PDB file of N, CA and C in Angstrom:
ATOM      1  N   MET A   1       0.812  -1.151   0.032  1.00  0.00           N
ATOM      2  CA  MET A   1      -0.029   0.008  -0.057  1.00  0.00           C
ATOM      3  C   MET A   1       0.829   1.315   0.045  1.00  0.00           C
ATOM      4  N   GLU A   2       0.705   2.109  -0.855  1.00  0.00           N
ATOM      5  CA  GLU A   2       1.530   3.311  -1.120  1.00  0.00           C
ATOM      6  C   GLU A   2       0.852   4.533  -0.319  1.00  0.00           C
ATOM      7  N   LEU A   3       1.781   5.189   0.484  1.00  0.00           N
ATOM      8  CA  LEU A   3       1.289   6.435   1.143  1.00  0.00           C
ATOM      9  C   LEU A   3       1.217   7.586   0.212  1.00  0.00           C
ATOM     10  N   VAL A   4       0.336   8.475   0.453  1.00  0.00           N
ATOM     11  CA  VAL A   4       0.164   9.658  -0.401  1.00  0.00           C
ATOM     12  C   VAL A   4       1.319  10.590  -0.045  1.00  0.00           C
ATOM     13  N   LYS A   5       2.054  11.006  -1.024  1.00  0.00           N
ATOM     14  CA  LYS A   5       3.141  11.984  -0.747  1.00  0.00           C
ATOM     15  C   LYS A   5       2.642  13.444  -0.853  1.00  0.00           C
ATOM     16  N   PRO A   6       3.212  14.387  -0.073  1.00  0.00           N
ATOM     17  CA  PRO A   6       2.782  15.779  -0.235  1.00  0.00           C
ATOM     18  C   PRO A   6       2.962  16.290  -1.707  1.00  0.00           C
ATOM     19  N   LEU A   7       2.338  17.318  -2.128  1.00  0.00           N
ATOM     20  CA  LEU A   7       2.402  17.885  -3.359  1.00  0.00           C
ATOM     21  C   LEU A   7       3.868  18.263  -3.829  1.00  0.00           C
ATOM     22  N   ALA A   8       4.542  18.900  -2.800  1.00  0.00           N
ATOM     23  CA  ALA A   8       5.892  19.321  -3.078  1.00  0.00           C
ATOM     24  C   ALA A   8       6.814  18.155  -3.342  1.00  0.00           C
ATOM     25  N   ALA A   9       6.614  16.987  -2.788  1.00  0.00           N
ATOM     26  CA  ALA A   9       7.427  15.859  -2.919  1.00  0.00           C
ATOM     27  C   ALA A   9       7.192  15.166  -4.327  1.00  0.00           C
ATOM     28  N   ARG A  10       5.901  15.261  -4.816  1.00  0.00           N
ATOM     29  CA  ARG A  10       5.484  14.626  -6.055  1.00  0.00           C
ATOM     30  C   ARG A  10       6.007  15.599  -7.252  1.00  0.00           C
ATOM     31  N   ALA A  11       5.911  16.782  -7.183  1.00  0.00           N
ATOM     32  CA  ALA A  11       6.165  17.583  -8.331  1.00  0.00           C
ATOM     33  C   ALA A  11       6.964  18.913  -7.946  1.00  0.00           C
ATOM     34  N   PRO A  12       8.157  18.766  -7.681  1.00  0.00           N
ATOM     35  CA  PRO A  12       8.936  19.954  -7.168  1.00  0.00           C
ATOM     36  C   PRO A  12       9.002  21.146  -8.211  1.00  0.00           C
ATOM     37  N   SER A  13       8.795  20.785  -9.544  1.00  0.00           N
ATOM     38  CA  SER A  13       8.935  21.810 -10.574  1.00  0.00           C
ATOM     39  C   SER A  13       7.680  22.629 -10.637  1.00  0.00           C
ATOM     40  N   LEU A  14       6.584  22.327 -10.001  1.00  0.00           N
ATOM     41  CA  LEU A  14       5.337  23.092 -10.108  1.00  0.00           C
ATOM     42  C   LEU A  14       5.428  24.401  -9.270  1.00  0.00           C
ATOM     43  N   HIS A  15       6.317  24.473  -8.393  1.00  0.00           N
ATOM     44  CA  HIS A  15       6.382  25.687  -7.475  1.00  0.00           C
ATOM     45  C   HIS A  15       7.000  26.792  -8.321  1.00  0.00           C
ATOM     46  N   THR A  16       6.635  28.072  -7.930  1.00  0.00           N
ATOM     47  CA  THR A  16       7.168  29.166  -8.760  1.00  0.00           C
ATOM     48  C   THR A  16       8.479  29.637  -8.206  1.00  0.00           C
ATOM     49  N   SER A  17       9.528  28.928  -8.645  1.00  0.00           N
ATOM     50  CA  SER A  17      10.849  29.312  -8.238  1.00  0.00           C
ATOM     51  C   SER A  17      11.412  30.581  -8.902  1.00  0.00           C
ATOM     52  N   VAL A  18      10.716  30.976  -9.990  1.00  0.00           N
ATOM     53  CA  VAL A  18      11.215  32.232 -10.668  1.00  0.00           C
ATOM     54  C   VAL A  18      10.678  33.421 -10.041  1.00  0.00           C
ATOM     55  N   MET A  19       9.782  33.428  -9.090  1.00  0.00           N
ATOM     56  CA  MET A  19       9.282  34.528  -8.394  1.00  0.00           C
ATOM     57  C   MET A  19      10.305  35.085  -7.444  1.00  0.00           C
ATOM     58  N   THR A  20      10.906  36.173  -7.835  1.00  0.00           N
ATOM     59  CA  THR A  20      11.918  36.812  -7.011  1.00  0.00           C
ATOM     60  C   THR A  20      11.307  37.818  -6.134  1.00  0.00           C
ATOM     61  N   LEU A  21      12.036  38.322  -5.215  1.00  0.00           N
ATOM     62  CA  LEU A  21      11.498  39.304  -4.287  1.00  0.00           C
ATOM     63  C   LEU A  21      11.162  40.575  -5.057  1.00  0.00           C
ATOM     64  N   LYS A  22      11.923  40.948  -6.071  1.00  0.00           N
ATOM     65  CA  LYS A  22      11.609  42.108  -6.898  1.00  0.00           C
ATOM     66  C   LYS A  22      10.277  41.868  -7.659  1.00  0.00           C
ATOM     67  N   HIS A  23      10.086  40.814  -8.157  1.00  0.00           N
ATOM     68  CA  HIS A  23       8.764  40.483  -8.975  1.00  0.00           C
ATOM     69  C   HIS A  23       7.561  40.417  -7.976  1.00  0.00           C
ATOM     70  N   ALA A  24       7.723  39.879  -6.805  1.00  0.00           N
ATOM     71  CA  ALA A  24       6.768  39.862  -5.797  1.00  0.00           C
ATOM     72  C   ALA A  24       6.384  41.220  -5.244  1.00  0.00           C
ATOM     73  N   SER A  25       7.398  41.972  -5.073  1.00  0.00           N
ATOM     74  CA  SER A  25       7.098  43.439  -4.614  1.00  0.00           C
ATOM     75  C   SER A  25       6.467  44.293  -5.721  1.00  0.00           C
ATOM     76  N   LEU A  26       6.739  43.982  -7.019  1.00  0.00           N
ATOM     77  CA  LEU A  26       6.028  44.703  -8.101  1.00  0.00           C
ATOM     78  C   LEU A  26       4.572  44.311  -8.156  1.00  0.00           C
ATOM     79  N   LEU A  27       4.349  42.973  -8.040  1.00  0.00           N
ATOM     80  CA  LEU A  27       2.969  42.464  -8.018  1.00  0.00           C
ATOM     81  C   LEU A  27       2.153  43.049  -6.812  1.00  0.00           C
ATOM     82  N   ALA A  28       2.816  43.088  -5.655  1.00  0.00           N
ATOM     83  CA  ALA A  28       2.132  43.685  -4.499  1.00  0.00           C
ATOM     84  C   ALA A  28       1.943  45.252  -4.689  1.00  0.00           C
ATOM     85  N   PHE A  29       2.844  45.866  -5.273  1.00  0.00           N
ATOM     86  CA  PHE A  29       2.575  47.288  -5.605  1.00  0.00           C
ATOM     87  C   PHE A  29       1.504  47.504  -6.587  1.00  0.00           C
ATOM     88  N   ILE A  30       1.333  46.716  -7.630  1.00  0.00           N
ATOM     89  CA  ILE A  30       0.291  46.886  -8.565  1.00  0.00           C
ATOM     90  C   ILE A  30      -1.113  46.660  -7.909  1.00  0.00           C
ATOM     91  N   GLY A  31      -1.072  45.556  -7.196  1.00  0.00           N
ATOM     92  CA  GLY A  31      -2.327  45.351  -6.455  1.00  0.00           C
ATOM     93  C   GLY A  31      -2.865  46.340  -5.462  1.00  0.00           C
ATOM     94  N   THR A  32      -1.856  46.864  -4.731  1.00  0.00           N
ATOM     95  CA  THR A  32      -2.258  47.891  -3.786  1.00  0.00           C
ATOM     96  C   THR A  32      -2.539  49.260  -4.517  1.00  0.00           C
ATOM     97  N   LEU A  33      -1.929  49.448  -5.694  1.00  0.00           N
ATOM     98  CA  LEU A  33      -2.105  50.704  -6.416  1.00  0.00           C
ATOM     99  C   LEU A  33      -3.660  50.552  -6.884  1.00  0.00           C
ATOM    100  N   LEU A  34      -4.102  49.455  -7.427  1.00  0.00           N
ATOM    101  CA  LEU A  34      -5.428  49.327  -7.835  1.00  0.00           C
ATOM    102  C   LEU A  34      -6.398  49.491  -6.764  1.00  0.00           C
ATOM    103  N   LEU A  35      -6.066  48.963  -5.549  1.00  0.00           N
ATOM    104  CA  LEU A  35      -6.960  49.136  -4.422  1.00  0.00           C
ATOM    105  C   LEU A  35      -6.990  50.527  -3.958  1.00  0.00           C
ATOM    106  N   THR A  36      -5.911  51.286  -4.052  1.00  0.00           N
ATOM    107  CA  THR A  36      -5.857  52.645  -3.598  1.00  0.00           C
ATOM    108  C   THR A  36      -6.691  53.434  -4.604  1.00  0.00           C
ATOM    109  N   ILE A  37      -6.561  53.212  -5.943  1.00  0.00           N
ATOM    110  CA  ILE A  37      -7.496  53.974  -6.816  1.00  0.00           C
ATOM    111  C   ILE A  37      -8.977  53.751  -6.502  1.00  0.00           C
ATOM    112  N   LEU A  38      -9.302  52.507  -6.208  1.00  0.00           N
ATOM    113  CA  LEU A  38     -10.692  52.192  -5.830  1.00  0.00           C
ATOM    114  C   LEU A  38     -11.148  52.937  -4.603  1.00  0.00           C
ATOM    115  N   LEU A  39     -10.333  52.862  -3.532  1.00  0.00           N
ATOM    116  CA  LEU A  39     -10.687  53.565  -2.327  1.00  0.00           C
ATOM    117  C   LEU A  39     -10.691  55.055  -2.407  1.00  0.00           C
ATOM    118  N   VAL A  40      -9.805  55.681  -3.132  1.00  0.00           N
ATOM    119  CA  VAL A  40      -9.761  57.080  -3.330  1.00  0.00           C
ATOM    120  C   VAL A  40     -11.049  57.509  -4.085  1.00  0.00           C
ATOM    121  N   GLY A  41     -11.421  56.799  -5.054  1.00  0.00           N
ATOM    122  CA  GLY A  41     -12.650  57.006  -5.771  1.00  0.00           C
ATOM    123  C   GLY A  41     -13.864  56.907  -4.811  1.00  0.00           C
ATOM    124  N   ASP A  42     -13.910  55.910  -4.016  1.00  0.00           N
ATOM    125  CA  ASP A  42     -15.017  55.817  -3.028  1.00  0.00           C
ATOM    126  C   ASP A  42     -14.936  56.970  -2.090  1.00  0.00           C
ATOM    127  N   PHE A  43     -13.793  57.515  -1.651  1.00  0.00           N
ATOM    128  CA  PHE A  43     -13.702  58.648  -0.772  1.00  0.00           C
ATOM    129  C   PHE A  43     -14.331  59.893  -1.521  1.00  0.00           C
ATOM    130  N   ILE A  44     -14.014  60.039  -2.782  1.00  0.00           N
ATOM    131  CA  ILE A  44     -14.502  61.172  -3.538  1.00  0.00           C
ATOM    132  C   ILE A  44     -16.040  61.144  -3.656  1.00  0.00           C
ATOM    133  N   LEU A  45     -16.572  59.929  -3.903  1.00  0.00           N
ATOM    134  CA  LEU A  45     -18.032  59.676  -3.998  1.00  0.00           C
ATOM    135  C   LEU A  45     -18.668  60.107  -2.594  1.00  0.00           C
ATOM    136  N   ASP A  46     -18.076  59.617  -1.521  1.00  0.00           N
ATOM    137  CA  ASP A  46     -18.605  59.889  -0.204  1.00  0.00           C
ATOM    138  C   ASP A  46     -18.521  61.370   0.070  1.00  0.00           C
ATOM    139  N   LEU A  47     -17.474  62.036  -0.348  1.00  0.00           N
ATOM    140  CA  LEU A  47     -17.330  63.438  -0.240  1.00  0.00           C
ATOM    141  C   LEU A  47     -18.494  64.185  -0.927  1.00  0.00           C
ATOM    142  N   LEU A  48     -18.775  63.800  -2.082  1.00  0.00           N
ATOM    143  CA  LEU A  48     -19.841  64.439  -2.863  1.00  0.00           C
ATOM    144  C   LEU A  48     -21.188  64.123  -2.214  1.00  0.00           C
ATOM    145  N   SER A  49     -21.377  62.893  -1.741  1.00  0.00           N
ATOM    146  CA  SER A  49     -22.585  62.571  -1.051  1.00  0.00           C
ATOM    147  C   SER A  49     -22.791  63.319   0.239  1.00  0.00           C
ATOM    148  N   LEU A  50     -21.729  63.656   0.916  1.00  0.00           N
ATOM    149  CA  LEU A  50     -21.774  64.471   2.087  1.00  0.00           C
ATOM    150  C   LEU A  50     -22.132  65.926   1.809  1.00  0.00           C
ATOM    151  N   ALA A  51     -21.620  66.380   0.665  1.00  0.00           N
ATOM    152  CA  ALA A  51     -22.014  67.728   0.271  1.00  0.00           C
ATOM    153  C   ALA A  51     -23.473  67.887  -0.015  1.00  0.00           C
ATOM    154  N   ARG A  52     -24.031  66.731  -0.546  1.00  0.00           N
ATOM    155  CA  ARG A  52     -25.500  66.782  -0.859  1.00  0.00           C
ATOM    156  C   ARG A  52     -26.401  66.478   0.360  1.00  0.00           C
ATOM    157  N   GLY A  53     -25.788  66.053   1.474  1.00  0.00           N
ATOM    158  CA  GLY A  53     -26.424  65.783   2.688  1.00  0.00           C
ATOM    159  C   GLY A  53     -26.966  64.367   2.713  1.00  0.00           C
ATOM    160  N   LEU A  54     -26.409  63.461   1.970  1.00  0.00           N
ATOM    161  CA  LEU A  54     -26.977  62.151   1.898  1.00  0.00           C
ATOM    162  C   LEU A  54     -26.404  61.144   2.940  1.00  0.00           C
ATOM    163  N   ILE A  55     -25.133  61.423   3.359  1.00  0.00           N
ATOM    164  CA  ILE A  55     -24.533  60.534   4.327  1.00  0.00           C
ATOM    165  C   ILE A  55     -24.045  61.324   5.543  1.00  0.00           C
ATOM    166  N   ALA A  56     -23.646  60.581   6.620  1.00  0.00           N
ATOM    167  CA  ALA A  56     -23.093  61.209   7.746  1.00  0.00           C
ATOM    168  C   ALA A  56     -21.627  61.461   7.602  1.00  0.00           C
ATOM    169  N   VAL A  57     -21.060  62.320   8.512  1.00  0.00           N
ATOM    170  CA  VAL A  57     -19.680  62.615   8.508  1.00  0.00           C
ATOM    171  C   VAL A  57     -18.847  61.383   8.921  1.00  0.00           C
ATOM    172  N   VAL A  58     -19.312  60.573   9.685  1.00  0.00           N
ATOM    173  CA  VAL A  58     -18.713  59.326  10.126  1.00  0.00           C
ATOM    174  C   VAL A  58     -18.249  58.409   8.881  1.00  0.00           C
ATOM    175  N   THR A  59     -19.197  58.362   8.034  1.00  0.00           N
ATOM    176  CA  THR A  59     -18.906  57.564   6.802  1.00  0.00           C
ATOM    177  C   THR A  59     -17.714  58.087   5.943  1.00  0.00           C
ATOM    178  N   LEU A  60     -17.704  59.415   5.888  1.00  0.00           N
ATOM    179  CA  LEU A  60     -16.579  60.069   5.139  1.00  0.00           C
ATOM    180  C   LEU A  60     -15.260  59.839   5.942  1.00  0.00           C
ATOM    181  N   LEU A  61     -15.264  59.940   7.299  1.00  0.00           N
ATOM    182  CA  LEU A  61     -14.082  59.656   8.034  1.00  0.00           C
ATOM    183  C   LEU A  61     -13.589  58.199   7.809  1.00  0.00           C
ATOM    184  N   THR A  62     -14.494  57.253   7.749  1.00  0.00           N
ATOM    185  CA  THR A  62     -14.142  55.874   7.545  1.00  0.00           C
ATOM    186  C   THR A  62     -13.523  55.749   6.141  1.00  0.00           C
ATOM    187  N   ALA A  63     -14.061  56.380   5.173  1.00  0.00           N
ATOM    188  CA  ALA A  63     -13.558  56.302   3.734  1.00  0.00           C
ATOM    189  C   ALA A  63     -12.167  56.967   3.701  1.00  0.00           C
ATOM    190  N   LEU A  64     -11.934  58.035   4.472  1.00  0.00           N
ATOM    191  CA  LEU A  64     -10.721  58.726   4.542  1.00  0.00           C
ATOM    192  C   LEU A  64      -9.565  57.760   5.126  1.00  0.00           C
ATOM    193  N   ILE A  65      -9.973  57.197   6.171  1.00  0.00           N
ATOM    194  CA  ILE A  65      -9.019  56.278   6.818  1.00  0.00           C
ATOM    195  C   ILE A  65      -8.617  55.042   5.928  1.00  0.00           C
ATOM    196  N   TYR A  66      -9.603  54.474   5.243  1.00  0.00           N
ATOM    197  CA  TYR A  66      -9.247  53.400   4.309  1.00  0.00           C
ATOM    198  C   TYR A  66      -8.426  53.858   3.164  1.00  0.00           C
ATOM    199  N   ALA A  67      -8.729  54.986   2.631  1.00  0.00           N
ATOM    200  CA  ALA A  67      -7.877  55.544   1.445  1.00  0.00           C
ATOM    201  C   ALA A  67      -6.501  55.899   1.961  1.00  0.00           C
ATOM    202  N   PHE A  68      -6.352  56.518   3.105  1.00  0.00           N
ATOM    203  CA  PHE A  68      -5.019  56.807   3.636  1.00  0.00           C
ATOM    204  C   PHE A  68      -4.195  55.470   3.929  1.00  0.00           C
ATOM    205  N   ALA A  69      -4.803  54.594   4.462  1.00  0.00           N
ATOM    206  CA  ALA A  69      -4.102  53.262   4.705  1.00  0.00           C
ATOM    207  C   ALA A  69      -3.697  52.606   3.468  1.00  0.00           C
ATOM    208  N   ALA A  70      -4.527  52.610   2.430  1.00  0.00           N
ATOM    209  CA  ALA A  70      -4.126  52.012   1.182  1.00  0.00           C
ATOM    210  C   ALA A  70      -3.083  52.784   0.517  1.00  0.00           C
ATOM    211  N   LEU A  71      -3.046  54.115   0.586  1.00  0.00           N
ATOM    212  CA  LEU A  71      -2.039  55.020   0.007  1.00  0.00           C
ATOM    213  C   LEU A  71      -0.722  54.715   0.698  1.00  0.00           C
ATOM    214  N   THR A  72      -0.698  54.533   2.010  1.00  0.00           N
ATOM    215  CA  THR A  72       0.574  54.409   2.733  1.00  0.00           C
ATOM    216  C   THR A  72       1.179  53.006   2.305  1.00  0.00           C
ATOM    217  N   VAL A  73       0.381  51.982   2.225  1.00  0.00           N
ATOM    218  CA  VAL A  73       0.880  50.585   1.790  1.00  0.00           C
ATOM    219  C   VAL A  73       1.433  50.671   0.376  1.00  0.00           C
ATOM    220  N   THR A  74       0.712  51.414  -0.433  1.00  0.00           N
ATOM    221  CA  THR A  74       1.150  51.523  -1.807  1.00  0.00           C
ATOM    222  C   THR A  74       2.539  52.268  -1.958  1.00  0.00           C
ATOM    223  N   VAL A  75       2.695  53.279  -1.124  1.00  0.00           N
ATOM    224  CA  VAL A  75       4.033  53.967  -1.133  1.00  0.00           C
ATOM    225  C   VAL A  75       5.075  53.007  -0.573  1.00  0.00           C
ATOM    226  N   PHE A  76       4.662  52.308   0.446  1.00  0.00           N
ATOM    227  CA  PHE A  76       5.695  51.291   0.974  1.00  0.00           C
ATOM    228  C   PHE A  76       6.192  50.313  -0.072  1.00  0.00           C
ATOM    229  N   PHE A  77       5.178  49.698  -0.743  1.00  0.00           N
ATOM    230  CA  PHE A  77       5.573  48.771  -1.761  1.00  0.00           C
ATOM    231  C   PHE A  77       6.331  49.366  -2.899  1.00  0.00           C
ATOM    232  N   PHE A  78       6.035  50.582  -3.257  1.00  0.00           N
ATOM    233  CA  PHE A  78       6.715  51.284  -4.267  1.00  0.00           C
ATOM    234  C   PHE A  78       8.286  51.517  -3.882  1.00  0.00           C
ATOM    235  N   ALA A  79       8.390  51.958  -2.658  1.00  0.00           N
ATOM    236  CA  ALA A  79       9.786  52.151  -2.097  1.00  0.00           C
ATOM    237  C   ALA A  79      10.544  50.790  -1.968  1.00  0.00           C
ATOM    238  N   PHE A  80       9.796  49.786  -1.580  1.00  0.00           N
ATOM    239  CA  PHE A  80      10.444  48.491  -1.391  1.00  0.00           C
ATOM    240  C   PHE A  80      10.840  47.962  -2.787  1.00  0.00           C
ATOM    241  N   HIS A  81       9.982  48.108  -3.746  1.00  0.00           N
ATOM    242  CA  HIS A  81      10.369  47.570  -5.085  1.00  0.00           C
ATOM    243  C   HIS A  81      11.564  48.423  -5.648  1.00  0.00           C
ATOM    244  N   LYS A  82      11.640  49.683  -5.311  1.00  0.00           N
ATOM    245  CA  LYS A  82      12.802  50.465  -5.919  1.00  0.00           C
ATOM    246  C   LYS A  82      14.018  50.023  -5.100  1.00  0.00           C
ATOM    247  N   ALA A  83      13.954  49.686  -3.879  1.00  0.00           N
ATOM    248  CA  ALA A  83      15.089  49.262  -3.139  1.00  0.00           C
ATOM    249  C   ALA A  83      15.600  47.902  -3.648  1.00  0.00           C
ATOM    250  N   GLN A  84      14.831  47.106  -4.289  1.00  0.00           N
ATOM    251  CA  GLN A  84      15.226  45.817  -4.800  1.00  0.00           C
ATOM    252  C   GLN A  84      15.993  45.941  -6.066  1.00  0.00           C
ATOM    253  N   SER A  85      16.097  47.024  -6.677  1.00  0.00           N
ATOM    254  CA  SER A  85      16.758  47.216  -7.961  1.00  0.00           C
ATOM    255  C   SER A  85      18.289  46.986  -7.862  1.00  0.00           C
TER     256      SER A  85
END
C-alpha cells in the first residue's frame, strides 16, 4: 500500500521558483495601487454625497481612513520595489 506524498514531494517543478523578491514586490505594488485607486474614488463619492447631505460625516471619516491606509501601503511597496533594484 503506497502512502500519499505531499504535493511538493511529487512535483517539485510546479512551484514558482522564478518569483523573485523584486517580482513579488512589483505584483504587490500593482495590487495595492489598484486598491488605492478604488478607495480614493470611493472617498470622492462619499465626499460628494456628504456635500449633498446624503450621508453622515462618520462615513466620510471611515472612507478617509481606508484611502489613507491604502495609500501608505502603496507607497511602502513602491519604495520596497525600488530598493530591490
